[in-house]
Amino acid sequence: CQDTPSVKSTYSAKISVPRELTVVMSAL
């Protein structure tokens, strides 16, 4: 990434995990 707070961008994600676990992110 451009790891500087001067750059802002949107993001999306597909996260694969074991079925018994839950994923949360800083997103909807």
mmCIF file of all heavy atoms, coordinates in Angstrom:
data_MODEL
# 
_entry.id   MODEL 
# 
loop_
_atom_site.group_PDB 
_atom_site.id 
_atom_site.type_symbol 
_atom_site.label_atom_id 
_atom_site.label_alt_id 
_atom_site.label_comp_id 
_atom_site.label_asym_id 
_atom_site.label_entity_id 
_atom_site.label_seq_id 
_atom_site.pdbx_PDB_ins_code 
_atom_site.Cartn_x 
_atom_site.Cartn_y 
_atom_site.Cartn_z 
_atom_site.occupancy 
_atom_site.B_iso_or_equiv 
_atom_site.pdbx_formal_charge 
_atom_site.auth_seq_id 
_atom_site.auth_comp_id 
_atom_site.auth_asym_id 
_atom_site.auth_atom_id 
_atom_site.pdbx_PDB_model_num 
ATOM 1   N N   . CYS A 1 1  ? 0.841   -1.200  0.000  1.00 0.00 ? 1  CYS A N   1 
ATOM 2   C CA  . CYS A 1 1  ? 0.000   0.000   0.000  1.00 0.00 ? 1  CYS A CA  1 
ATOM 3   C C   . CYS A 1 1  ? 0.874   1.247   0.000  1.00 0.00 ? 1  CYS A C   1 
ATOM 4   O O   . CYS A 1 1  ? 2.087   1.180   0.204  1.00 0.00 ? 1  CYS A O   1 
ATOM 5   C CB  . CYS A 1 1  ? -0.902  0.012   1.235  1.00 0.00 ? 1  CYS A CB  1 
ATOM 6   S SG  . CYS A 1 1  ? -0.019  -0.089  2.816  1.00 0.00 ? 1  CYS A SG  1 
ATOM 7   N N   . GLN A 1 2  ? 0.240   2.366   -0.248 1.00 0.00 ? 2  GLN A N   1 
ATOM 8   C CA  . GLN A 1 2  ? 0.893   3.655   -0.031 1.00 0.00 ? 2  GLN A CA  1 
ATOM 9   C C   . GLN A 1 2  ? 0.590   4.017   1.414  1.00 0.00 ? 2  GLN A C   1 
ATOM 10  O O   . GLN A 1 2  ? -0.437  4.614   1.730  1.00 0.00 ? 2  GLN A O   1 
ATOM 11  C CB  . GLN A 1 2  ? 0.376   4.686   -1.034 1.00 0.00 ? 2  GLN A CB  1 
ATOM 12  C CG  . GLN A 1 2  ? 0.798   4.355   -2.462 1.00 0.00 ? 2  GLN A CG  1 
ATOM 13  C CD  . GLN A 1 2  ? 0.353   5.384   -3.493 1.00 0.00 ? 2  GLN A CD  1 
ATOM 14  O OE1 . GLN A 1 2  ? -0.765  5.860   -3.455 1.00 0.00 ? 2  GLN A OE1 1 
ATOM 15  N NE2 . GLN A 1 2  ? 1.235   5.689   -4.444 1.00 0.00 ? 2  GLN A NE2 1 
ATOM 16  N N   . ASP A 1 3  ? 1.507   3.621   2.285  1.00 0.00 ? 3  ASP A N   1 
ATOM 17  C CA  . ASP A 1 3  ? 1.246   3.637   3.726  1.00 0.00 ? 3  ASP A CA  1 
ATOM 18  C C   . ASP A 1 3  ? 1.558   5.009   4.315  1.00 0.00 ? 3  ASP A C   1 
ATOM 19  O O   . ASP A 1 3  ? 2.457   5.177   5.137  1.00 0.00 ? 3  ASP A O   1 
ATOM 20  C CB  . ASP A 1 3  ? 2.070   2.543   4.405  1.00 0.00 ? 3  ASP A CB  1 
ATOM 21  C CG  . ASP A 1 3  ? 1.524   2.184   5.784  1.00 0.00 ? 3  ASP A CG  1 
ATOM 22  O OD1 . ASP A 1 3  ? 0.449   2.689   6.145  1.00 0.00 ? 3  ASP A OD1 1 
ATOM 23  O OD2 . ASP A 1 3  ? 2.180   1.385   6.478  1.00 0.00 ? 3  ASP A OD2 1 
ATOM 24  N N   . THR A 1 4  ? 0.811   5.981   3.853  1.00 0.00 ? 4  THR A N   1 
ATOM 25  C CA  . THR A 1 4  ? 0.923   7.355   4.334  1.00 0.00 ? 4  THR A CA  1 
ATOM 26  C C   . THR A 1 4  ? -0.476  7.910   4.483  1.00 0.00 ? 4  THR A C   1 
ATOM 27  O O   . THR A 1 4  ? -1.332  7.671   3.624  1.00 0.00 ? 4  THR A O   1 
ATOM 28  C CB  . THR A 1 4  ? 1.738   8.231   3.368  1.00 0.00 ? 4  THR A CB  1 
ATOM 29  O OG1 . THR A 1 4  ? 1.569   9.622   3.746  1.00 0.00 ? 4  THR A OG1 1 
ATOM 30  C CG2 . THR A 1 4  ? 1.295   8.061   1.925  1.00 0.00 ? 4  THR A CG2 1 
ATOM 31  N N   . PRO A 1 5  ? -0.761  8.638   5.560  1.00 0.00 ? 5  PRO A N   1 
ATOM 32  C CA  . PRO A 1 5  ? -2.109  9.197   5.724  1.00 0.00 ? 5  PRO A CA  1 
ATOM 33  C C   . PRO A 1 5  ? -2.441  10.285  4.716  1.00 0.00 ? 5  PRO A C   1 
ATOM 34  O O   . PRO A 1 5  ? -3.595  10.720  4.646  1.00 0.00 ? 5  PRO A O   1 
ATOM 35  C CB  . PRO A 1 5  ? -2.101  9.744   7.157  1.00 0.00 ? 5  PRO A CB  1 
ATOM 36  C CG  . PRO A 1 5  ? -0.671  9.917   7.511  1.00 0.00 ? 5  PRO A CG  1 
ATOM 37  C CD  . PRO A 1 5  ? 0.089   8.879   6.743  1.00 0.00 ? 5  PRO A CD  1 
ATOM 38  N N   . SER A 1 6  ? -1.455  10.703  3.919  1.00 0.00 ? 6  SER A N   1 
ATOM 39  C CA  . SER A 1 6  ? -1.743  11.688  2.873  1.00 0.00 ? 6  SER A CA  1 
ATOM 40  C C   . SER A 1 6  ? -2.533  11.054  1.726  1.00 0.00 ? 6  SER A C   1 
ATOM 41  O O   . SER A 1 6  ? -3.115  11.780  0.907  1.00 0.00 ? 6  SER A O   1 
ATOM 42  C CB  . SER A 1 6  ? -0.445  12.299  2.336  1.00 0.00 ? 6  SER A CB  1 
ATOM 43  O OG  . SER A 1 6  ? 0.341   11.312  1.688  1.00 0.00 ? 6  SER A OG  1 
ATOM 44  N N   . VAL A 1 7  ? -2.550  9.721   1.650  1.00 0.00 ? 7  VAL A N   1 
ATOM 45  C CA  . VAL A 1 7  ? -3.303  9.004   0.607  1.00 0.00 ? 7  VAL A CA  1 
ATOM 46  C C   . VAL A 1 7  ? -4.520  8.348   1.249  1.00 0.00 ? 7  VAL A C   1 
ATOM 47  O O   . VAL A 1 7  ? -4.396  7.566   2.191  1.00 0.00 ? 7  VAL A O   1 
ATOM 48  C CB  . VAL A 1 7  ? -2.432  7.927   -0.068 1.00 0.00 ? 7  VAL A CB  1 
ATOM 49  C CG1 . VAL A 1 7  ? -3.274  7.090   -1.028 1.00 0.00 ? 7  VAL A CG1 1 
ATOM 50  C CG2 . VAL A 1 7  ? -1.272  8.568   -0.806 1.00 0.00 ? 7  VAL A CG2 1 
ATOM 51  N N   . LYS A 1 8  ? -5.693  8.678   0.737  1.00 0.00 ? 8  LYS A N   1 
ATOM 52  C CA  . LYS A 1 8  ? -6.935  8.054   1.190  1.00 0.00 ? 8  LYS A CA  1 
ATOM 53  C C   . LYS A 1 8  ? -7.562  7.309   0.026  1.00 0.00 ? 8  LYS A C   1 
ATOM 54  O O   . LYS A 1 8  ? -7.638  7.841   -1.080 1.00 0.00 ? 8  LYS A O   1 
ATOM 55  C CB  . LYS A 1 8  ? -7.912  9.099   1.724  1.00 0.00 ? 8  LYS A CB  1 
ATOM 56  C CG  . LYS A 1 8  ? -7.508  9.729   3.046  1.00 0.00 ? 8  LYS A CG  1 
ATOM 57  C CD  . LYS A 1 8  ? -8.592  10.679  3.539  1.00 0.00 ? 8  LYS A CD  1 
ATOM 58  C CE  . LYS A 1 8  ? -8.329  11.126  4.951  1.00 0.00 ? 8  LYS A CE  1 
ATOM 59  N NZ  . LYS A 1 8  ? -9.416  11.999  5.469  1.00 0.00 ? 8  LYS A NZ  1 
ATOM 60  N N   . SER A 1 9  ? -8.025  6.101   0.289  1.00 0.00 ? 9  SER A N   1 
ATOM 61  C CA  . SER A 1 9  ? -8.696  5.332   -0.755 1.00 0.00 ? 9  SER A CA  1 
ATOM 62  C C   . SER A 1 9  ? -9.793  4.475   -0.141 1.00 0.00 ? 9  SER A C   1 
ATOM 63  O O   . SER A 1 9  ? -9.786  4.205   1.064  1.00 0.00 ? 9  SER A O   1 
ATOM 64  C CB  . SER A 1 9  ? -7.690  4.450   -1.512 1.00 0.00 ? 9  SER A CB  1 
ATOM 65  O OG  . SER A 1 9  ? -7.248  3.387   -0.699 1.00 0.00 ? 9  SER A OG  1 
ATOM 66  N N   . THR A 1 10 ? -10.728 4.060   -0.971 1.00 0.00 ? 10 THR A N   1 
ATOM 67  C CA  . THR A 1 10 ? -11.747 3.111   -0.548 1.00 0.00 ? 10 THR A CA  1 
ATOM 68  C C   . THR A 1 10 ? -11.135 1.709   -0.550 1.00 0.00 ? 10 THR A C   1 
ATOM 69  O O   . THR A 1 10 ? -10.064 1.484   -1.126 1.00 0.00 ? 10 THR A O   1 
ATOM 70  C CB  . THR A 1 10 ? -12.951 3.171   -1.482 1.00 0.00 ? 10 THR A CB  1 
ATOM 71  O OG1 . THR A 1 10 ? -12.501 2.984   -2.829 1.00 0.00 ? 10 THR A OG1 1 
ATOM 72  C CG2 . THR A 1 10 ? -13.650 4.524   -1.381 1.00 0.00 ? 10 THR A CG2 1 
ATOM 73  N N   . TYR A 1 11 ? -11.827 0.761   0.082  1.00 0.00 ? 11 TYR A N   1 
ATOM 74  C CA  . TYR A 1 11 ? -11.335 -0.613  0.001  1.00 0.00 ? 11 TYR A CA  1 
ATOM 75  C C   . TYR A 1 11 ? -12.487 -1.594  0.086  1.00 0.00 ? 11 TYR A C   1 
ATOM 76  O O   . TYR A 1 11 ? -13.598 -1.272  0.540  1.00 0.00 ? 11 TYR A O   1 
ATOM 77  C CB  . TYR A 1 11 ? -10.263 -0.893  1.054  1.00 0.00 ? 11 TYR A CB  1 
ATOM 78  C CG  . TYR A 1 11 ? -10.696 -1.345  2.429  1.00 0.00 ? 11 TYR A CG  1 
ATOM 79  C CD1 . TYR A 1 11 ? -10.877 -2.699  2.724  1.00 0.00 ? 11 TYR A CD1 1 
ATOM 80  C CD2 . TYR A 1 11 ? -10.870 -0.431  3.473  1.00 0.00 ? 11 TYR A CD2 1 
ATOM 81  C CE1 . TYR A 1 11 ? -11.223 -3.124  3.994  1.00 0.00 ? 11 TYR A CE1 1 
ATOM 82  C CE2 . TYR A 1 11 ? -11.227 -0.835  4.751  1.00 0.00 ? 11 TYR A CE2 1 
ATOM 83  C CZ  . TYR A 1 11 ? -11.407 -2.188  5.007  1.00 0.00 ? 11 TYR A CZ  1 
ATOM 84  O OH  . TYR A 1 11 ? -11.757 -2.608  6.266  1.00 0.00 ? 11 TYR A OH  1 
ATOM 85  N N   . SER A 1 12 ? -12.212 -2.806  -0.375 1.00 0.00 ? 12 SER A N   1 
ATOM 86  C CA  . SER A 1 12 ? -13.146 -3.925  -0.272 1.00 0.00 ? 12 SER A CA  1 
ATOM 87  C C   . SER A 1 12 ? -12.328 -5.171  0.033  1.00 0.00 ? 12 SER A C   1 
ATOM 88  O O   . SER A 1 12 ? -11.107 -5.178  -0.142 1.00 0.00 ? 12 SER A O   1 
ATOM 89  C CB  . SER A 1 12 ? -13.960 -4.081  -1.558 1.00 0.00 ? 12 SER A CB  1 
ATOM 90  O OG  . SER A 1 12 ? -13.108 -4.200  -2.694 1.00 0.00 ? 12 SER A OG  1 
ATOM 91  N N   . ALA A 1 13 ? -13.011 -6.221  0.472  1.00 0.00 ? 13 ALA A N   1 
ATOM 92  C CA  . ALA A 1 13 ? -12.257 -7.414  0.873  1.00 0.00 ? 13 ALA A CA  1 
ATOM 93  C C   . ALA A 1 13 ? -13.131 -8.660  0.810  1.00 0.00 ? 13 ALA A C   1 
ATOM 94  O O   . ALA A 1 13 ? -14.345 -8.604  1.048  1.00 0.00 ? 13 ALA A O   1 
ATOM 95  C CB  . ALA A 1 13 ? -11.697 -7.248  2.279  1.00 0.00 ? 13 ALA A CB  1 
ATOM 96  N N   . LYS A 1 14 ? -12.493 -9.777  0.473  1.00 0.00 ? 14 LYS A N   1 
ATOM 97  C CA  . LYS A 1 14 ? -13.059 -11.112 0.609  1.00 0.00 ? 14 LYS A CA  1 
ATOM 98  C C   . LYS A 1 14 ? -12.100 -11.904 1.495  1.00 0.00 ? 14 LYS A C   1 
ATOM 99  O O   . LYS A 1 14 ? -10.943 -12.121 1.111  1.00 0.00 ? 14 LYS A O   1 
ATOM 100 C CB  . LYS A 1 14 ? -13.199 -11.793 -0.752 1.00 0.00 ? 14 LYS A CB  1 
ATOM 101 C CG  . LYS A 1 14 ? -14.275 -11.204 -1.655 1.00 0.00 ? 14 LYS A CG  1 
ATOM 102 C CD  . LYS A 1 14 ? -14.386 -12.014 -2.942 1.00 0.00 ? 14 LYS A CD  1 
ATOM 103 C CE  . LYS A 1 14 ? -15.490 -11.478 -3.846 1.00 0.00 ? 14 LYS A CE  1 
ATOM 104 N NZ  . LYS A 1 14 ? -15.607 -12.300 -5.093 1.00 0.00 ? 14 LYS A NZ  1 
ATOM 105 N N   . ILE A 1 15 ? -12.572 -12.322 2.646  1.00 0.00 ? 15 ILE A N   1 
ATOM 106 C CA  . ILE A 1 15 ? -11.711 -12.967 3.634  1.00 0.00 ? 15 ILE A CA  1 
ATOM 107 C C   . ILE A 1 15 ? -12.213 -14.383 3.886  1.00 0.00 ? 15 ILE A C   1 
ATOM 108 O O   . ILE A 1 15 ? -13.361 -14.596 4.297  1.00 0.00 ? 15 ILE A O   1 
ATOM 109 C CB  . ILE A 1 15 ? -11.696 -12.172 4.961  1.00 0.00 ? 15 ILE A CB  1 
ATOM 110 C CG1 . ILE A 1 15 ? -11.367 -10.691 4.709  1.00 0.00 ? 15 ILE A CG1 1 
ATOM 111 C CG2 . ILE A 1 15 ? -10.714 -12.797 5.935  1.00 0.00 ? 15 ILE A CG2 1 
ATOM 112 C CD1 . ILE A 1 15 ? -9.993  -10.431 4.145  1.00 0.00 ? 15 ILE A CD1 1 
ATOM 113 N N   . SER A 1 16 ? -11.338 -15.354 3.656  1.00 0.00 ? 16 SER A N   1 
ATOM 114 C CA  . SER A 1 16 ? -11.664 -16.768 3.845  1.00 0.00 ? 16 SER A CA  1 
ATOM 115 C C   . SER A 1 16 ? -11.123 -17.244 5.184  1.00 0.00 ? 16 SER A C   1 
ATOM 116 O O   . SER A 1 16 ? -9.932  -17.075 5.480  1.00 0.00 ? 16 SER A O   1 
ATOM 117 C CB  . SER A 1 16 ? -11.064 -17.584 2.697  1.00 0.00 ? 16 SER A CB  1 
ATOM 118 O OG  . SER A 1 16 ? -11.206 -18.956 2.925  1.00 0.00 ? 16 SER A OG  1 
ATOM 119 N N   . VAL A 1 17 ? -12.028 -17.851 5.985  1.00 0.00 ? 17 VAL A N   1 
ATOM 120 C CA  . VAL A 1 17 ? -11.634 -18.301 7.328  1.00 0.00 ? 17 VAL A CA  1 
ATOM 121 C C   . VAL A 1 17 ? -12.291 -19.650 7.636  1.00 0.00 ? 17 VAL A C   1 
ATOM 122 O O   . VAL A 1 17 ? -13.252 -20.039 6.985  1.00 0.00 ? 17 VAL A O   1 
ATOM 123 C CB  . VAL A 1 17 ? -12.071 -17.286 8.412  1.00 0.00 ? 17 VAL A CB  1 
ATOM 124 C CG1 . VAL A 1 17 ? -11.340 -15.982 8.267  1.00 0.00 ? 17 VAL A CG1 1 
ATOM 125 C CG2 . VAL A 1 17 ? -13.587 -17.079 8.398  1.00 0.00 ? 17 VAL A CG2 1 
ATOM 126 N N   . PRO A 1 18 ? -11.782 -20.348 8.657  1.00 0.00 ? 18 PRO A N   1 
ATOM 127 C CA  . PRO A 1 18 ? -12.476 -21.555 9.111  1.00 0.00 ? 18 PRO A CA  1 
ATOM 128 C C   . PRO A 1 18 ? -13.926 -21.229 9.479  1.00 0.00 ? 18 PRO A C   1 
ATOM 129 O O   . PRO A 1 18 ? -14.200 -20.179 10.062 1.00 0.00 ? 18 PRO A O   1 
ATOM 130 C CB  . PRO A 1 18 ? -11.661 -21.978 10.337 1.00 0.00 ? 18 PRO A CB  1 
ATOM 131 C CG  . PRO A 1 18 ? -10.289 -21.420 10.088 1.00 0.00 ? 18 PRO A CG  1 
ATOM 132 C CD  . PRO A 1 18 ? -10.514 -20.124 9.382  1.00 0.00 ? 18 PRO A CD  1 
ATOM 133 N N   . ARG A 1 19 ? -14.840 -22.138 9.153  1.00 0.00 ? 19 ARG A N   1 
ATOM 134 C CA  . ARG A 1 19 ? -16.268 -21.826 9.233  1.00 0.00 ? 19 ARG A CA  1 
ATOM 135 C C   . ARG A 1 19 ? -16.745 -21.486 10.645 1.00 0.00 ? 19 ARG A C   1 
ATOM 136 O O   . ARG A 1 19 ? -17.749 -20.797 10.823 1.00 0.00 ? 19 ARG A O   1 
ATOM 137 C CB  . ARG A 1 19 ? -17.100 -22.977 8.673  1.00 0.00 ? 19 ARG A CB  1 
ATOM 138 C CG  . ARG A 1 19 ? -17.036 -24.248 9.458  1.00 0.00 ? 19 ARG A CG  1 
ATOM 139 C CD  . ARG A 1 19 ? -18.177 -25.233 9.138  1.00 0.00 ? 19 ARG A CD  1 
ATOM 140 N NE  . ARG A 1 19 ? -18.297 -25.517 7.711  1.00 0.00 ? 19 ARG A NE  1 
ATOM 141 C CZ  . ARG A 1 19 ? -19.338 -25.137 6.975  1.00 0.00 ? 19 ARG A CZ  1 
ATOM 142 N NH1 . ARG A 1 19 ? -20.315 -24.429 7.512  1.00 0.00 ? 19 ARG A NH1 1 
ATOM 143 N NH2 . ARG A 1 19 ? -19.395 -25.471 5.695  1.00 0.00 ? 19 ARG A NH2 1 
ATOM 144 N N   . GLU A 1 20 ? -16.029 -21.960 11.674 1.00 0.00 ? 20 GLU A N   1 
ATOM 145 C CA  . GLU A 1 20 ? -16.489 -21.697 13.041 1.00 0.00 ? 20 GLU A CA  1 
ATOM 146 C C   . GLU A 1 20 ? -16.103 -20.301 13.540 1.00 0.00 ? 20 GLU A C   1 
ATOM 147 O O   . GLU A 1 20 ? -16.507 -19.907 14.638 1.00 0.00 ? 20 GLU A O   1 
ATOM 148 C CB  . GLU A 1 20 ? -15.935 -22.761 14.005 1.00 0.00 ? 20 GLU A CB  1 
ATOM 149 C CG  . GLU A 1 20 ? -14.420 -22.792 14.132 1.00 0.00 ? 20 GLU A CG  1 
ATOM 150 C CD  . GLU A 1 20 ? -13.746 -23.686 13.098 1.00 0.00 ? 20 GLU A CD  1 
ATOM 151 O OE1 . GLU A 1 20 ? -14.412 -24.069 12.099 1.00 0.00 ? 20 GLU A OE1 1 
ATOM 152 O OE2 . GLU A 1 20 ? -12.557 -24.008 13.301 1.00 0.00 ? 20 GLU A OE2 1 
ATOM 153 N N   . LEU A 1 21 ? -15.345 -19.572 12.741 1.00 0.00 ? 21 LEU A N   1 
ATOM 154 C CA  . LEU A 1 21 ? -14.880 -18.246 13.154 1.00 0.00 ? 21 LEU A CA  1 
ATOM 155 C C   . LEU A 1 21 ? -15.654 -17.134 12.438 1.00 0.00 ? 21 LEU A C   1 
ATOM 156 O O   . LEU A 1 21 ? -16.242 -17.339 11.379 1.00 0.00 ? 21 LEU A O   1 
ATOM 157 C CB  . LEU A 1 21 ? -13.382 -18.104 12.882 1.00 0.00 ? 21 LEU A CB  1 
ATOM 158 C CG  . LEU A 1 21 ? -12.488 -19.118 13.605 1.00 0.00 ? 21 LEU A CG  1 
ATOM 159 C CD1 . LEU A 1 21 ? -11.026 -18.870 13.279 1.00 0.00 ? 21 LEU A CD1 1 
ATOM 160 C CD2 . LEU A 1 21 ? -12.718 -19.077 15.115 1.00 0.00 ? 21 LEU A CD2 1 
ATOM 161 N N   . THR A 1 22 ? -15.607 -15.967 13.031 1.00 0.00 ? 22 THR A N   1 
ATOM 162 C CA  . THR A 1 22 ? -16.277 -14.778 12.502 1.00 0.00 ? 22 THR A CA  1 
ATOM 163 C C   . THR A 1 22 ? -15.233 -13.730 12.148 1.00 0.00 ? 22 THR A C   1 
ATOM 164 O O   . THR A 1 22 ? -14.241 -13.560 12.872 1.00 0.00 ? 22 THR A O   1 
ATOM 165 C CB  . THR A 1 22 ? -17.257 -14.210 13.541 1.00 0.00 ? 22 THR A CB  1 
ATOM 166 O OG1 . THR A 1 22 ? -18.265 -15.188 13.802 1.00 0.00 ? 22 THR A OG1 1 
ATOM 167 C CG2 . THR A 1 22 ? -17.920 -12.928 13.043 1.00 0.00 ? 22 THR A CG2 1 
ATOM 168 N N   . VAL A 1 23 ? -15.460 -13.026 11.044 1.00 0.00 ? 23 VAL A N   1 
ATOM 169 C CA  . VAL A 1 23 ? -14.569 -11.939 10.607 1.00 0.00 ? 23 VAL A CA  1 
ATOM 170 C C   . VAL A 1 23 ? -15.292 -10.611 10.778 1.00 0.00 ? 23 VAL A C   1 
ATOM 171 O O   . VAL A 1 23 ? -16.471 -10.479 10.414 1.00 0.00 ? 23 VAL A O   1 
ATOM 172 C CB  . VAL A 1 23 ? -14.157 -12.098 9.130  1.00 0.00 ? 23 VAL A CB  1 
ATOM 173 C CG1 . VAL A 1 23 ? -13.137 -11.026 8.738  1.00 0.00 ? 23 VAL A CG1 1 
ATOM 174 C CG2 . VAL A 1 23 ? -13.603 -13.484 8.868  1.00 0.00 ? 23 VAL A CG2 1 
ATOM 175 N N   . VAL A 1 24 ? -14.598 -9.629  11.313 1.00 0.00 ? 24 VAL A N   1 
ATOM 176 C CA  . VAL A 1 24 ? -15.079 -8.242  11.312 1.00 0.00 ? 24 VAL A CA  1 
ATOM 177 C C   . VAL A 1 24 ? -13.966 -7.369  10.744 1.00 0.00 ? 24 VAL A C   1 
ATOM 178 O O   . VAL A 1 24 ? -12.781 -7.686  10.872 1.00 0.00 ? 24 VAL A O   1 
ATOM 179 C CB  . VAL A 1 24 ? -15.489 -7.765  12.722 1.00 0.00 ? 24 VAL A CB  1 
ATOM 180 C CG1 . VAL A 1 24 ? -16.771 -8.438  13.177 1.00 0.00 ? 24 VAL A CG1 1 
ATOM 181 C CG2 . VAL A 1 24 ? -14.378 -8.012  13.742 1.00 0.00 ? 24 VAL A CG2 1 
ATOM 182 N N   . MET A 1 25 ? -14.352 -6.273  10.090 1.00 0.00 ? 25 MET A N   1 
ATOM 183 C CA  . MET A 1 25 ? -13.378 -5.345  9.519  1.00 0.00 ? 25 MET A CA  1 
ATOM 184 C C   . MET A 1 25 ? -13.869 -3.911  9.712  1.00 0.00 ? 25 MET A C   1 
ATOM 185 O O   . MET A 1 25 ? -15.013 -3.672  10.104 1.00 0.00 ? 25 MET A O   1 
ATOM 186 C CB  . MET A 1 25 ? -13.167 -5.629  8.017  1.00 0.00 ? 25 MET A CB  1 
ATOM 187 C CG  . MET A 1 25 ? -12.495 -6.948  7.711  1.00 0.00 ? 25 MET A CG  1 
ATOM 188 S SD  . MET A 1 25 ? -11.962 -7.101  5.978  1.00 0.00 ? 25 MET A SD  1 
ATOM 189 C CE  . MET A 1 25 ? -10.416 -6.138  6.010  1.00 0.00 ? 25 MET A CE  1 
ATOM 190 N N   . SER A 1 26 ? -12.987 -2.978  9.400  1.00 0.00 ? 26 SER A N   1 
ATOM 191 C CA  . SER A 1 26 ? -13.320 -1.549  9.480  1.00 0.00 ? 26 SER A CA  1 
ATOM 192 C C   . SER A 1 26 ? -14.084 -1.151  8.222  1.00 0.00 ? 26 SER A C   1 
ATOM 193 O O   . SER A 1 26 ? -13.673 -0.252  7.475  1.00 0.00 ? 26 SER A O   1 
ATOM 194 C CB  . SER A 1 26 ? -12.035 -0.728  9.624  1.00 0.00 ? 26 SER A CB  1 
ATOM 195 O OG  . SER A 1 26 ? -11.129 -1.020  8.565  1.00 0.00 ? 26 SER A OG  1 
ATOM 196 N N   . ALA A 1 27 ? -15.201 -1.812  8.001  1.00 0.00 ? 27 ALA A N   1 
ATOM 197 C CA  . ALA A 1 27 ? -15.959 -1.660  6.765  1.00 0.00 ? 27 ALA A CA  1 
ATOM 198 C C   . ALA A 1 27 ? -17.352 -2.237  6.981  1.00 0.00 ? 27 ALA A C   1 
ATOM 199 O O   . ALA A 1 27 ? -17.654 -2.805  8.037  1.00 0.00 ? 27 ALA A O   1 
ATOM 200 C CB  . ALA A 1 27 ? -15.244 -2.389  5.613  1.00 0.00 ? 27 ALA A CB  1 
ATOM 201 N N   . LEU A 1 28 ? -18.196 -2.095  5.978  1.00 0.00 ? 28 LEU A N   1 
ATOM 202 C CA  . LEU A 1 28 ? -19.562 -2.611  6.024  1.00 0.00 ? 28 LEU A CA  1 
ATOM 203 C C   . LEU A 1 28 ? -19.578 -4.040  5.500  1.00 0.00 ? 28 LEU A C   1 
ATOM 204 O O   . LEU A 1 28 ? -18.963 -4.335  4.468  1.00 0.00 ? 28 LEU A O   1 
ATOM 205 C CB  . LEU A 1 28 ? -20.484 -1.729  5.186  1.00 0.00 ? 28 LEU A CB  1 
ATOM 206 C CG  . LEU A 1 28 ? -20.493 -0.235  5.565  1.00 0.00 ? 28 LEU A CG  1 
ATOM 207 C CD1 . LEU A 1 28 ? -21.280 0.561   4.541  1.00 0.00 ? 28 LEU A CD1 1 
ATOM 208 C CD2 . LEU A 1 28 ? -21.060 -0.034  6.964  1.00 0.00 ? 28 LEU A CD2 1 
# 
